[in-house]
PDB file of N, CA and C in Angstrom:
ATOM      1  N   MET A   1      15.521 -38.082  33.954  1.00  0.00           N
ATOM      2  CA  MET A   1      14.409 -38.507  32.273  1.00  0.00           C
ATOM      3  C   MET A   1      14.704 -36.704  31.603  1.00  0.00           C
ATOM      4  N   LYS A   2      14.890 -36.457  30.843  1.00  0.00           N
ATOM      5  CA  LYS A   2      15.129 -34.956  30.030  1.00  0.00           C
ATOM      6  C   LYS A   2      14.344 -34.963  29.115  1.00  0.00           C
ATOM      7  N   TYR A   3      13.514 -33.710  29.583  1.00  0.00           N
ATOM      8  CA  TYR A   3      12.621 -33.563  28.123  1.00  0.00           C
ATOM      9  C   TYR A   3      13.083 -32.235  27.475  1.00  0.00           C
ATOM     10  N   ARG A   4      12.702 -32.272  25.778  1.00  0.00           N
ATOM     11  CA  ARG A   4      13.302 -31.851  25.511  1.00  0.00           C
ATOM     12  C   ARG A   4      12.673 -30.738  24.245  1.00  0.00           C
ATOM     13  N   GLY A   5      12.380 -29.557  23.693  1.00  0.00           N
ATOM     14  CA  GLY A   5      11.560 -29.666  23.158  1.00  0.00           C
ATOM     15  C   GLY A   5      10.178 -28.796  23.117  1.00  0.00           C
ATOM     16  N   GLU A   6       9.521 -29.217  22.878  1.00  0.00           N
ATOM     17  CA  GLU A   6       7.750 -29.245  23.629  1.00  0.00           C
ATOM     18  C   GLU A   6       7.402 -30.015  24.623  1.00  0.00           C
ATOM     19  N   LEU A   7       6.888 -30.160  25.691  1.00  0.00           N
ATOM     20  CA  LEU A   7       6.582 -30.766  26.707  1.00  0.00           C
ATOM     21  C   LEU A   7       4.698 -30.465  27.076  1.00  0.00           C
ATOM     22  N   THR A   8       4.596 -31.423  26.112  1.00  0.00           N
ATOM     23  CA  THR A   8       2.625 -32.051  25.686  1.00  0.00           C
ATOM     24  C   THR A   8       2.782 -33.166  26.863  1.00  0.00           C
ATOM     25  N   PHE A   9       1.263 -33.097  26.906  1.00  0.00           N
ATOM     26  CA  PHE A   9       0.409 -34.719  27.409  1.00  0.00           C
ATOM     27  C   PHE A   9       1.026 -35.957  26.830  1.00  0.00           C
ATOM     28  N   ASN A  10       0.773 -35.585  25.137  1.00  0.00           N
ATOM     29  CA  ASN A  10       1.592 -36.988  24.258  1.00  0.00           C
ATOM     30  C   ASN A  10       3.059 -37.581  24.812  1.00  0.00           C
ATOM     31  N   SER A  11       4.000 -36.255  24.896  1.00  0.00           N
ATOM     32  CA  SER A  11       5.237 -36.236  25.065  1.00  0.00           C
ATOM     33  C   SER A  11       5.484 -37.050  26.163  1.00  0.00           C
ATOM     34  N   PHE A  12       4.636 -36.338  27.202  1.00  0.00           N
ATOM     35  CA  PHE A  12       4.812 -37.150  28.103  1.00  0.00           C
ATOM     36  C   PHE A  12       4.735 -38.381  28.221  1.00  0.00           C
ATOM     37  N   MET A  13       3.633 -38.654  27.857  1.00  0.00           N
ATOM     38  CA  MET A  13       2.833 -40.577  28.167  1.00  0.00           C
ATOM     39  C   MET A  13       3.921 -41.190  27.277  1.00  0.00           C
ATOM     40  N   ASP A  14       4.372 -40.570  25.725  1.00  0.00           N
ATOM     41  CA  ASP A  14       5.570 -41.700  25.569  1.00  0.00           C
ATOM     42  C   ASP A  14       7.025 -41.507  26.070  1.00  0.00           C
ATOM     43  N   ARG A  15       7.264 -40.582  26.957  1.00  0.00           N
ATOM     44  CA  ARG A  15       8.726 -40.579  27.869  1.00  0.00           C
ATOM     45  C   ARG A  15       8.101 -41.324  28.915  1.00  0.00           C
ATOM     46  N   HIS A  16       7.295 -41.439  29.636  1.00  0.00           N
ATOM     47  CA  HIS A  16       7.100 -42.199  30.814  1.00  0.00           C
ATOM     48  C   HIS A  16       6.520 -44.057  30.565  1.00  0.00           C
ATOM     49  N   GLY A  17       5.858 -44.122  29.036  1.00  0.00           N
ATOM     50  CA  GLY A  17       5.837 -45.464  28.969  1.00  0.00           C
ATOM     51  C   GLY A  17       6.618 -45.934  28.675  1.00  0.00           C
ATOM     52  N   LYS A  18       7.504 -45.509  27.962  1.00  0.00           N
ATOM     53  CA  LYS A  18       8.964 -46.097  27.912  1.00  0.00           C
ATOM     54  C   LYS A  18       9.550 -46.222  29.009  1.00  0.00           C
ATOM     55  N   ALA A  19       9.744 -44.941  30.214  1.00  0.00           N
ATOM     56  CA  ALA A  19      10.496 -45.585  30.958  1.00  0.00           C
ATOM     57  C   ALA A  19      10.460 -46.128  32.145  1.00  0.00           C
ATOM     58  N   GLN A  20       9.029 -46.826  32.258  1.00  0.00           N
ATOM     59  CA  GLN A  20       8.087 -47.823  32.904  1.00  0.00           C
ATOM     60  C   GLN A  20       8.648 -49.001  32.324  1.00  0.00           C
ATOM     61  N   SER A  21       8.469 -49.347  30.975  1.00  0.00           N
ATOM     62  CA  SER A  21       8.637 -50.785  30.255  1.00  0.00           C
ATOM     63  C   SER A  21       9.880 -50.824  30.239  1.00  0.00           C
ATOM     64  N   HIS A  22      11.152 -50.352  30.942  1.00  0.00           N
ATOM     65  CA  HIS A  22      12.268 -50.612  31.209  1.00  0.00           C
ATOM     66  C   HIS A  22      12.303 -51.980  31.894  1.00  0.00           C
ATOM     67  N   PRO A  23      13.068 -52.773  31.919  1.00  0.00           N
ATOM     68  CA  PRO A  23      13.051 -53.698  32.881  1.00  0.00           C
ATOM     69  C   PRO A  23      13.799 -53.429  33.974  1.00  0.00           C
ATOM     70  N   ASP A  24      14.579 -52.563  33.977  1.00  0.00           N
ATOM     71  CA  ASP A  24      15.119 -51.858  35.520  1.00  0.00           C
ATOM     72  C   ASP A  24      14.453 -50.948  36.143  1.00  0.00           C
ATOM     73  N   PHE A  25      12.853 -50.517  35.733  1.00  0.00           N
ATOM     74  CA  PHE A  25      11.980 -49.974  36.320  1.00  0.00           C
ATOM     75  C   PHE A  25      11.542 -50.130  37.704  1.00  0.00           C
ATOM     76  N   ASP A  26      11.533 -49.288  38.571  1.00  0.00           N
ATOM     77  CA  ASP A  26      11.112 -49.034  39.984  1.00  0.00           C
ATOM     78  C   ASP A  26      10.617 -48.078  40.688  1.00  0.00           C
ATOM     79  N   PRO A  27       9.716 -48.101  40.998  1.00  0.00           N
ATOM     80  CA  PRO A  27       9.020 -46.989  41.140  1.00  0.00           C
ATOM     81  C   PRO A  27       9.715 -46.366  42.879  1.00  0.00           C
ATOM     82  N   ASP A  28      10.591 -46.863  42.717  1.00  0.00           N
ATOM     83  CA  ASP A  28      11.506 -46.298  44.562  1.00  0.00           C
ATOM     84  C   ASP A  28      12.629 -45.785  44.096  1.00  0.00           C
ATOM     85  N   PHE A  29      12.888 -46.191  42.719  1.00  0.00           N
ATOM     86  CA  PHE A  29      13.932 -45.746  42.814  1.00  0.00           C
ATOM     87  C   PHE A  29      14.129 -43.527  42.765  1.00  0.00           C
ATOM     88  N   HIS A  30      14.689 -43.333  43.064  1.00  0.00           N
ATOM     89  CA  HIS A  30      15.345 -41.849  42.995  1.00  0.00           C
ATOM     90  C   HIS A  30      15.198 -41.523  41.766  1.00  0.00           C
ATOM     91  N   SER A  31      14.585 -40.455  41.038  1.00  0.00           N
ATOM     92  CA  SER A  31      14.019 -39.829  39.780  1.00  0.00           C
ATOM     93  C   SER A  31      14.763 -38.551  39.834  1.00  0.00           C
ATOM     94  N   ILE A  32      15.236 -38.399  38.276  1.00  0.00           N
ATOM     95  CA  ILE A  32      15.434 -36.578  37.878  1.00  0.00           C
ATOM     96  C   ILE A  32      14.610 -36.358  37.219  1.00  0.00           C
ATOM     97  N   VAL A  33      13.675 -35.099  36.935  1.00  0.00           N
ATOM     98  CA  VAL A  33      13.293 -34.930  35.900  1.00  0.00           C
ATOM     99  C   VAL A  33      13.308 -33.797  35.505  1.00  0.00           C
ATOM    100  N   ASP A  34      14.487 -33.710  34.271  1.00  0.00           N
ATOM    101  CA  ASP A  34      14.328 -32.399  33.808  1.00  0.00           C
ATOM    102  C   ASP A  34      13.597 -31.551  32.665  1.00  0.00           C
ATOM    103  N   ILE A  35      12.837 -30.602  32.896  1.00  0.00           N
ATOM    104  CA  ILE A  35      12.116 -29.735  32.074  1.00  0.00           C
ATOM    105  C   ILE A  35      12.966 -28.432  31.288  1.00  0.00           C
ATOM    106  N   CYS A  36      13.850 -28.088  31.565  1.00  0.00           N
ATOM    107  CA  CYS A  36      14.749 -26.891  31.348  1.00  0.00           C
ATOM    108  C   CYS A  36      14.728 -27.073  29.831  1.00  0.00           C
ATOM    109  N   GLY A  37      14.431 -25.888  29.249  1.00  0.00           N
ATOM    110  CA  GLY A  37      14.235 -24.934  27.743  1.00  0.00           C
ATOM    111  C   GLY A  37      13.561 -25.934  27.236  1.00  0.00           C
ATOM    112  N   CYS A  38      12.500 -26.348  28.267  1.00  0.00           N
ATOM    113  CA  CYS A  38      10.985 -27.307  27.120  1.00  0.00           C
ATOM    114  C   CYS A  38      10.153 -26.314  26.817  1.00  0.00           C
ATOM    115  N   ASP A  39       9.072 -25.803  25.835  1.00  0.00           N
ATOM    116  CA  ASP A  39       7.912 -25.146  25.378  1.00  0.00           C
ATOM    117  C   ASP A  39       7.055 -25.963  26.247  1.00  0.00           C
ATOM    118  N   ILE A  40       6.548 -25.637  27.086  1.00  0.00           N
ATOM    119  CA  ILE A  40       5.234 -26.135  27.611  1.00  0.00           C
ATOM    120  C   ILE A  40       4.272 -25.694  27.212  1.00  0.00           C
ATOM    121  N   HIS A  41       3.684 -27.037  26.837  1.00  0.00           N
ATOM    122  CA  HIS A  41       2.135 -26.880  26.350  1.00  0.00           C
ATOM    123  C   HIS A  41       1.062 -27.960  26.997  1.00  0.00           C
ATOM    124  N   LEU A  42       0.460 -27.709  28.459  1.00  0.00           N
ATOM    125  CA  LEU A  42      -0.019 -28.340  29.150  1.00  0.00           C
ATOM    126  C   LEU A  42      -1.116 -27.283  29.777  1.00  0.00           C
ATOM    127  N   SER A  43      -2.657 -28.352  29.656  1.00  0.00           N
ATOM    128  CA  SER A  43      -3.724 -27.533  30.217  1.00  0.00           C
ATOM    129  C   SER A  43      -3.444 -27.783  31.247  1.00  0.00           C
ATOM    130  N   SER A  44      -4.523 -27.431  32.094  1.00  0.00           N
ATOM    131  CA  SER A  44      -4.400 -27.719  33.648  1.00  0.00           C
ATOM    132  C   SER A  44      -4.925 -29.052  33.835  1.00  0.00           C
ATOM    133  N   GLU A  45      -6.303 -29.079  33.024  1.00  0.00           N
ATOM    134  CA  GLU A  45      -6.799 -30.745  32.845  1.00  0.00           C
ATOM    135  C   GLU A  45      -5.672 -31.915  32.485  1.00  0.00           C
ATOM    136  N   GLU A  46      -4.708 -31.128  31.371  1.00  0.00           N
ATOM    137  CA  GLU A  46      -3.504 -32.185  31.415  1.00  0.00           C
ATOM    138  C   GLU A  46      -2.517 -32.130  32.465  1.00  0.00           C
ATOM    139  N   ILE A  47      -2.335 -31.556  33.239  1.00  0.00           N
ATOM    140  CA  ILE A  47      -1.609 -31.331  34.250  1.00  0.00           C
ATOM    141  C   ILE A  47      -2.545 -32.920  34.979  1.00  0.00           C
ATOM    142  N   ARG A  48      -3.670 -32.700  35.597  1.00  0.00           N
ATOM    143  CA  ARG A  48      -4.238 -33.515  36.135  1.00  0.00           C
ATOM    144  C   ARG A  48      -4.297 -34.981  35.471  1.00  0.00           C
ATOM    145  N   GLN A  49      -4.602 -35.185  34.540  1.00  0.00           N
ATOM    146  CA  GLN A  49      -4.759 -36.524  34.015  1.00  0.00           C
ATOM    147  C   GLN A  49      -2.977 -37.164  34.064  1.00  0.00           C
ATOM    148  N   MET A  50      -2.067 -36.332  33.502  1.00  0.00           N
ATOM    149  CA  MET A  50      -0.498 -36.635  33.936  1.00  0.00           C
ATOM    150  C   MET A  50      -0.461 -37.159  35.427  1.00  0.00           C
ATOM    151  N   ALA A  51      -0.691 -36.490  36.139  1.00  0.00           N
ATOM    152  CA  ALA A  51      -0.987 -36.861  37.683  1.00  0.00           C
ATOM    153  C   ALA A  51      -1.388 -37.872  38.120  1.00  0.00           C
ATOM    154  N   ASN A  52      -2.554 -38.187  37.608  1.00  0.00           N
ATOM    155  CA  ASN A  52      -3.219 -39.528  37.716  1.00  0.00           C
ATOM    156  C   ASN A  52      -3.035 -40.753  37.473  1.00  0.00           C
ATOM    157  N   VAL A  53      -1.877 -40.784  35.763  1.00  0.00           N
ATOM    158  CA  VAL A  53      -1.101 -41.732  35.290  1.00  0.00           C
ATOM    159  C   VAL A  53      -0.188 -41.729  37.005  1.00  0.00           C
ATOM    160  N   ILE A  54       0.142 -41.083  36.812  1.00  0.00           N
ATOM    161  CA  ILE A  54       1.720 -41.704  37.935  1.00  0.00           C
ATOM    162  C   ILE A  54       0.841 -42.282  39.138  1.00  0.00           C
ATOM    163  N   GLY A  55      -0.260 -41.031  39.464  1.00  0.00           N
ATOM    164  CA  GLY A  55      -0.803 -42.026  40.677  1.00  0.00           C
ATOM    165  C   GLY A  55      -0.565 -43.680  40.758  1.00  0.00           C
ATOM    166  N   GLU A  56      -1.373 -43.876  39.921  1.00  0.00           N
ATOM    167  CA  GLU A  56      -1.462 -45.173  39.362  1.00  0.00           C
ATOM    168  C   GLU A  56      -0.348 -45.960  39.618  1.00  0.00           C
ATOM    169  N   ILE A  57       0.677 -45.757  38.986  1.00  0.00           N
ATOM    170  CA  ILE A  57       2.086 -46.687  38.369  1.00  0.00           C
ATOM    171  C   ILE A  57       3.112 -46.406  40.338  1.00  0.00           C
ATOM    172  N   TYR A  58       2.457 -45.616  40.898  1.00  0.00           N
ATOM    173  CA  TYR A  58       3.474 -45.195  42.036  1.00  0.00           C
ATOM    174  C   TYR A  58       2.501 -45.365  43.394  1.00  0.00           C
ATOM    175  N   GLN A  59       1.728 -45.644  43.138  1.00  0.00           N
ATOM    176  CA  GLN A  59       0.437 -45.733  44.858  1.00  0.00           C
ATOM    177  C   GLN A  59       1.327 -46.518  45.468  1.00  0.00           C
ATOM    178  N   ASN A  60       2.761 -47.396  45.269  1.00  0.00           N
ATOM    179  CA  ASN A  60       2.924 -48.414  46.411  1.00  0.00           C
ATOM    180  C   ASN A  60       4.125 -47.363  46.784  1.00  0.00           C
ATOM    181  N   GLN A  61       4.696 -47.204  46.553  1.00  0.00           N
ATOM    182  CA  GLN A  61       5.309 -46.153  46.216  1.00  0.00           C
ATOM    183  C   GLN A  61       6.255 -45.792  47.701  1.00  0.00           C
ATOM    184  N   GLU A  62       7.540 -46.119  48.399  1.00  0.00           N
ATOM    185  CA  GLU A  62       7.825 -45.818  49.549  1.00  0.00           C
ATOM    186  C   GLU A  62       8.649 -44.601  49.994  1.00  0.00           C
ATOM    187  N   THR A  63      10.179 -45.399  49.493  1.00  0.00           N
ATOM    188  CA  THR A  63      11.164 -44.676  49.655  1.00  0.00           C
ATOM    189  C   THR A  63      11.518 -43.412  48.749  1.00  0.00           C
ATOM    190  N   ALA A  64      11.002 -43.706  47.648  1.00  0.00           N
ATOM    191  CA  ALA A  64      11.773 -42.493  46.418  1.00  0.00           C
ATOM    192  C   ALA A  64      11.676 -41.025  46.635  1.00  0.00           C
ATOM    193  N   ARG A  65      12.601 -40.548  46.220  1.00  0.00           N
ATOM    194  CA  ARG A  65      12.697 -38.909  45.899  1.00  0.00           C
ATOM    195  C   ARG A  65      12.766 -38.294  44.689  1.00  0.00           C
ATOM    196  N   ASP A  66      12.215 -37.738  44.255  1.00  0.00           N
ATOM    197  CA  ASP A  66      12.045 -37.312  42.881  1.00  0.00           C
ATOM    198  C   ASP A  66      12.465 -35.324  43.025  1.00  0.00           C
ATOM    199  N   ALA A  67      13.437 -36.073  41.739  1.00  0.00           N
ATOM    200  CA  ALA A  67      13.845 -34.128  42.029  1.00  0.00           C
ATOM    201  C   ALA A  67      13.224 -33.776  40.491  1.00  0.00           C
ATOM    202  N   PHE A  68      12.934 -32.046  40.329  1.00  0.00           N
ATOM    203  CA  PHE A  68      12.779 -31.225  38.920  1.00  0.00           C
ATOM    204  C   PHE A  68      13.341 -30.593  39.232  1.00  0.00           C
ATOM    205  N   ILE A  69      14.257 -30.735  37.867  1.00  0.00           N
ATOM    206  CA  ILE A  69      14.971 -29.605  37.655  1.00  0.00           C
ATOM    207  C   ILE A  69      14.557 -28.600  36.639  1.00  0.00           C
ATOM    208  N   VAL A  70      14.239 -27.163  37.306  1.00  0.00           N
ATOM    209  CA  VAL A  70      13.234 -26.461  35.643  1.00  0.00           C
ATOM    210  C   VAL A  70      14.029 -24.846  35.628  1.00  0.00           C
ATOM    211  N   ASP A  71      13.543 -24.377  34.820  1.00  0.00           N
ATOM    212  CA  ASP A  71      14.643 -22.582  34.568  1.00  0.00           C
ATOM    213  C   ASP A  71      13.578 -21.729  34.142  1.00  0.00           C
ATOM    214  N   THR A  72      12.615 -22.040  34.772  1.00  0.00           N
ATOM    215  CA  THR A  72      11.586 -20.635  34.613  1.00  0.00           C
ATOM    216  C   THR A  72      10.990 -20.801  35.741  1.00  0.00           C
ATOM    217  N   ILE A  73       9.691 -19.602  35.998  1.00  0.00           N
ATOM    218  CA  ILE A  73       8.582 -19.691  36.940  1.00  0.00           C
ATOM    219  C   ILE A  73       7.850 -20.492  36.451  1.00  0.00           C
ATOM    220  N   VAL A  74       7.407 -20.442  35.146  1.00  0.00           N
ATOM    221  CA  VAL A  74       6.024 -21.128  34.917  1.00  0.00           C
ATOM    222  C   VAL A  74       6.706 -22.796  35.013  1.00  0.00           C
ATOM    223  N   GLY A  75       7.955 -23.095  34.646  1.00  0.00           N
ATOM    224  CA  GLY A  75       8.032 -24.439  35.099  1.00  0.00           C
ATOM    225  C   GLY A  75       7.870 -25.082  36.122  1.00  0.00           C
ATOM    226  N   HIS A  76       8.194 -23.715  37.268  1.00  0.00           N
ATOM    227  CA  HIS A  76       8.341 -24.018  38.671  1.00  0.00           C
ATOM    228  C   HIS A  76       6.985 -24.309  39.035  1.00  0.00           C
ATOM    229  N   GLY A  77       6.136 -23.192  38.606  1.00  0.00           N
ATOM    230  CA  GLY A  77       4.549 -23.513  39.111  1.00  0.00           C
ATOM    231  C   GLY A  77       4.097 -24.430  38.327  1.00  0.00           C
ATOM    232  N   LEU A  78       3.985 -25.183  37.347  1.00  0.00           N
ATOM    233  CA  LEU A  78       3.185 -26.310  36.679  1.00  0.00           C
ATOM    234  C   LEU A  78       3.996 -27.634  37.446  1.00  0.00           C
ATOM    235  N   THR A  79       5.399 -27.629  37.621  1.00  0.00           N
ATOM    236  CA  THR A  79       5.381 -28.842  38.323  1.00  0.00           C
ATOM    237  C   THR A  79       5.188 -28.532  39.940  1.00  0.00           C
ATOM    238  N   ARG A  80       4.962 -27.743  40.327  1.00  0.00           N
ATOM    239  CA  ARG A  80       3.921 -27.840  41.740  1.00  0.00           C
ATOM    240  C   ARG A  80       2.584 -28.238  41.519  1.00  0.00           C
ATOM    241  N   MET A  81       2.453 -27.785  41.106  1.00  0.00           N
ATOM    242  CA  MET A  81       0.656 -28.590  40.540  1.00  0.00           C
ATOM    243  C   MET A  81       0.521 -29.416  40.030  1.00  0.00           C
ATOM    244  N   PHE A  82       1.497 -30.209  39.452  1.00  0.00           N
ATOM    245  CA  PHE A  82       1.446 -31.598  38.885  1.00  0.00           C
ATOM    246  C   PHE A  82       1.344 -32.434  40.415  1.00  0.00           C
ATOM    247  N   THR A  83       2.746 -32.059  41.084  1.00  0.00           N
ATOM    248  CA  THR A  83       3.519 -32.495  42.245  1.00  0.00           C
ATOM    249  C   THR A  83       2.320 -33.009  42.849  1.00  0.00           C
ATOM    250  N   SER A  84       1.432 -31.725  43.460  1.00  0.00           N
ATOM    251  CA  SER A  84       0.474 -31.993  44.332  1.00  0.00           C
ATOM    252  C   SER A  84      -1.120 -32.315  44.059  1.00  0.00           C
ATOM    253  N   SER A  85      -0.684 -32.869  42.623  1.00  0.00           N
ATOM    254  CA  SER A  85      -2.225 -33.274  42.249  1.00  0.00           C
ATOM    255  C   SER A  85      -1.967 -34.371  42.046  1.00  0.00           C
ATOM    256  N   ILE A  86      -1.089 -35.733  42.400  1.00  0.00           N
ATOM    257  CA  ILE A  86      -0.638 -37.252  42.635  1.00  0.00           C
ATOM    258  C   ILE A  86      -1.600 -37.663  43.060  1.00  0.00           C
ATOM    259  N   PRO A  87      -2.124 -38.190  43.320  1.00  0.00           N
ATOM    260  CA  PRO A  87      -2.857 -39.133  44.284  1.00  0.00           C
ATOM    261  C   PRO A  87      -2.040 -40.098  45.024  1.00  0.00           C
ATOM    262  N   ASN A  88      -2.214 -40.285  45.846  1.00  0.00           N
ATOM    263  CA  ASN A  88      -1.676 -41.508  47.117  1.00  0.00           C
ATOM    264  C   ASN A  88       0.215 -41.095  46.337  1.00  0.00           C
ATOM    265  N   HIS A  89       0.491 -40.090  46.542  1.00  0.00           N
ATOM    266  CA  HIS A  89       2.231 -39.761  46.247  1.00  0.00           C
ATOM    267  C   HIS A  89       2.970 -40.286  47.606  1.00  0.00           C
ATOM    268  N   GLN A  90       3.625 -40.747  47.499  1.00  0.00           N
ATOM    269  CA  GLN A  90       4.449 -40.778  48.995  1.00  0.00           C
ATOM    270  C   GLN A  90       5.899 -40.271  48.650  1.00  0.00           C
ATOM    271  N   ALA A  91       6.302 -40.459  47.490  1.00  0.00           N
ATOM    272  CA  ALA A  91       7.594 -40.040  47.114  1.00  0.00           C
ATOM    273  C   ALA A  91       7.760 -38.309  48.051  1.00  0.00           C
ATOM    274  N   GLN A  92       9.054 -38.406  47.869  1.00  0.00           N
ATOM    275  CA  GLN A  92       9.400 -36.973  48.415  1.00  0.00           C
ATOM    276  C   GLN A  92      10.047 -36.115  47.508  1.00  0.00           C
ATOM    277  N   VAL A  93       9.576 -34.811  47.108  1.00  0.00           N
ATOM    278  CA  VAL A  93       9.389 -33.872  46.162  1.00  0.00           C
ATOM    279  C   VAL A  93      10.224 -32.465  46.008  1.00  0.00           C
ATOM    280  N   GLN A  94      11.119 -32.311  45.469  1.00  0.00           N
ATOM    281  CA  GLN A  94      11.604 -31.083  45.777  1.00  0.00           C
ATOM    282  C   GLN A  94      11.996 -30.956  44.102  1.00  0.00           C
ATOM    283  N   ILE A  95      11.922 -29.081  43.850  1.00  0.00           N
ATOM    284  CA  ILE A  95      12.272 -28.556  42.892  1.00  0.00           C
ATOM    285  C   ILE A  95      13.117 -27.650  43.028  1.00  0.00           C
ATOM    286  N   PHE A  96      14.222 -27.768  41.531  1.00  0.00           N
ATOM    287  CA  PHE A  96      15.551 -27.497  42.208  1.00  0.00           C
ATOM    288  C   PHE A  96      15.181 -26.021  40.722  1.00  0.00           C
ATOM    289  N   ASP A  97      16.283 -25.120  41.144  1.00  0.00           N
ATOM    290  CA  ASP A  97      16.586 -23.841  39.745  1.00  0.00           C
ATOM    291  C   ASP A  97      17.682 -24.225  39.417  1.00  0.00           C
ATOM    292  N   ALA A  98      17.718 -24.511  37.888  1.00  0.00           N
ATOM    293  CA  ALA A  98      19.011 -24.746  37.262  1.00  0.00           C
ATOM    294  C   ALA A  98      20.218 -23.591  37.197  1.00  0.00           C
ATOM    295  N   THR A  99      19.538 -22.198  37.641  1.00  0.00           N
ATOM    296  CA  THR A  99      20.290 -21.167  37.072  1.00  0.00           C
ATOM    297  C   THR A  99      21.003 -21.222  38.798  1.00  0.00           C
ATOM    298  N   ASP A 100      20.550 -22.148  39.649  1.00  0.00           N
ATOM    299  CA  ASP A 100      21.015 -21.974  40.826  1.00  0.00           C
ATOM    300  C   ASP A 100      22.444 -22.341  40.846  1.00  0.00           C
ATOM    301  N   VAL A 101      24.094 -21.508  41.456  1.00  0.00           N
ATOM    302  CA  VAL A 101      25.321 -21.716  40.905  1.00  0.00           C
ATOM    303  C   VAL A 101      25.191 -23.016  41.714  1.00  0.00           C
ATOM    304  N   ASP A 102      24.899 -23.234  42.735  1.00  0.00           N
ATOM    305  CA  ASP A 102      24.771 -24.629  43.831  1.00  0.00           C
ATOM    306  C   ASP A 102      24.280 -26.312  42.970  1.00  0.00           C
ATOM    307  N   VAL A 103      23.199 -26.239  42.764  1.00  0.00           N
ATOM    308  CA  VAL A 103      22.290 -26.870  41.939  1.00  0.00           C
ATOM    309  C   VAL A 103      22.673 -28.176  41.580  1.00  0.00           C
ATOM    310  N   ALA A 104      23.948 -28.752  41.312  1.00  0.00           N
ATOM    311  CA  ALA A 104      24.729 -29.863  41.214  1.00  0.00           C
ATOM    312  C   ALA A 104      24.802 -30.291  42.939  1.00  0.00           C
ATOM    313  N   ASN A 105      25.252 -29.808  43.019  1.00  0.00           N
ATOM    314  CA  ASN A 105      25.480 -30.104  45.357  1.00  0.00           C
ATOM    315  C   ASN A 105      24.567 -30.672  45.770  1.00  0.00           C
ATOM    316  N   ASN A 106      23.584 -29.589  45.331  1.00  0.00           N
ATOM    317  CA  ASN A 106      22.153 -29.943  45.994  1.00  0.00           C
ATOM    318  C   ASN A 106      21.639 -30.624  45.687  1.00  0.00           C
ATOM    319  N   LEU A 107      21.873 -31.015  44.232  1.00  0.00           N
ATOM    320  CA  LEU A 107      20.638 -32.491  43.997  1.00  0.00           C
ATOM    321  C   LEU A 107      21.634 -33.414  44.595  1.00  0.00           C
ATOM    322  N   ARG A 108      22.783 -33.471  44.290  1.00  0.00           N
ATOM    323  CA  ARG A 108      23.789 -34.822  44.695  1.00  0.00           C
ATOM    324  C   ARG A 108      23.511 -34.786  46.429  1.00  0.00           C
ATOM    325  N   GLN A 109      23.345 -34.009  47.241  1.00  0.00           N
ATOM    326  CA  GLN A 109      22.693 -34.115  48.797  1.00  0.00           C
ATOM    327  C   GLN A 109      21.446 -34.479  48.936  1.00  0.00           C
ATOM    328  N   TRP A 110      20.634 -33.755  48.296  1.00  0.00           N
ATOM    329  CA  TRP A 110      19.385 -34.181  48.164  1.00  0.00           C
ATOM    330  C   TRP A 110      19.232 -35.617  47.736  1.00  0.00           C
ATOM    331  N   LEU A 111      19.584 -35.855  47.251  1.00  0.00           N
ATOM    332  CA  LEU A 111      19.271 -37.391  46.722  1.00  0.00           C
ATOM    333  C   LEU A 111      20.285 -38.261  46.920  1.00  0.00           C
ATOM    334  N   GLU A 112      21.271 -38.004  47.537  1.00  0.00           N
ATOM    335  CA  GLU A 112      22.207 -39.121  48.671  1.00  0.00           C
ATOM    336  C   GLU A 112      23.450 -39.515  48.141  1.00  0.00           C
ATOM    337  N   LEU A 113      23.857 -38.670  46.930  1.00  0.00           N
ATOM    338  CA  LEU A 113      24.472 -39.401  45.801  1.00  0.00           C
ATOM    339  C   LEU A 113      26.091 -39.034  46.644  1.00  0.00           C
ATOM    340  N   PRO A 114      26.833 -39.632  45.905  1.00  0.00           N
ATOM    341  CA  PRO A 114      28.619 -39.165  46.273  1.00  0.00           C
ATOM    342  C   PRO A 114      28.879 -37.705  45.618  1.00  0.00           C
ATOM    343  N   SER A 115      29.594 -37.137  46.787  1.00  0.00           N
ATOM    344  CA  SER A 115      30.067 -36.153  46.489  1.00  0.00           C
ATOM    345  C   SER A 115      30.720 -36.303  44.969  1.00  0.00           C
ATOM    346  N   GLY A 116      31.480 -36.522  44.510  1.00  0.00           N
ATOM    347  CA  GLY A 116      31.966 -36.790  43.147  1.00  0.00           C
ATOM    348  C   GLY A 116      30.910 -37.199  42.428  1.00  0.00           C
ATOM    349  N   TYR A 117      29.690 -37.909  42.270  1.00  0.00           N
ATOM    350  CA  TYR A 117      29.258 -38.298  41.227  1.00  0.00           C
ATOM    351  C   TYR A 117      28.847 -37.092  40.229  1.00  0.00           C
ATOM    352  N   ILE A 118      29.090 -37.817  38.496  1.00  0.00           N
ATOM    353  CA  ILE A 118      29.334 -37.019  37.931  1.00  0.00           C
ATOM    354  C   ILE A 118      27.363 -37.276  37.399  1.00  0.00           C
ATOM    355  N   PHE A 119      27.106 -36.251  37.169  1.00  0.00           N
ATOM    356  CA  PHE A 119      25.294 -36.538  36.212  1.00  0.00           C
ATOM    357  C   PHE A 119      25.368 -36.685  34.449  1.00  0.00           C
ATOM    358  N   PRO A 120      24.791 -37.161  34.150  1.00  0.00           N
ATOM    359  CA  PRO A 120      24.674 -37.772  32.664  1.00  0.00           C
ATOM    360  C   PRO A 120      24.942 -36.255  31.423  1.00  0.00           C
ATOM    361  N   ASP A 121      25.285 -36.474  30.972  1.00  0.00           N
ATOM    362  CA  ASP A 121      25.390 -35.046  30.224  1.00  0.00           C
ATOM    363  C   ASP A 121      24.036 -34.316  29.699  1.00  0.00           C
ATOM    364  N   PHE A 122      23.059 -35.547  29.387  1.00  0.00           N
ATOM    365  CA  PHE A 122      22.048 -34.680  28.776  1.00  0.00           C
ATOM    366  C   PHE A 122      20.825 -34.227  30.257  1.00  0.00           C
ATOM    367  N   ILE A 123      22.122 -34.013  31.151  1.00  0.00           N
ATOM    368  CA  ILE A 123      21.227 -32.968  32.539  1.00  0.00           C
ATOM    369  C   ILE A 123      22.111 -31.897  32.235  1.00  0.00           C
ATOM    370  N   ARG A 124      22.146 -30.585  32.443  1.00  0.00           N
ATOM    371  CA  ARG A 124      22.950 -29.657  32.148  1.00  0.00           C
ATOM    372  C   ARG A 124      22.795 -29.013  33.249  1.00  0.00           C
ATOM    373  N   LEU A 125      24.092 -28.770  33.700  1.00  0.00           N
ATOM    374  CA  LEU A 125      23.704 -28.057  35.454  1.00  0.00           C
ATOM    375  C   LEU A 125      24.723 -27.525  35.199  1.00  0.00           C
TER     376      LEU A 125
END
């Protein structure tokens, strides 16, 4: 999932609602969330609300891995705050720095993707 422009509570709810309503949605799928280049406008209360929404949806999640791609210290910190606030979150979480020269290989390895896997164009690695 790629966020662009402003990352707000409303943009999160809109994007997440669309993903969840997709017929192939499965909370046990591995996921990639890319917030690189976003102008983040979230209060700590909004981050807690987002975490609660995710906690309800993923409460029975068992095997998923969630990869977050960030390009700023603020993005990294807010992602840690978000993921640590998700109640009953069972997925394994890893935050990847987009400026790391090996980020694509590290993502492939951590998500157990084939070494030749090509990421979608909207994820810039």
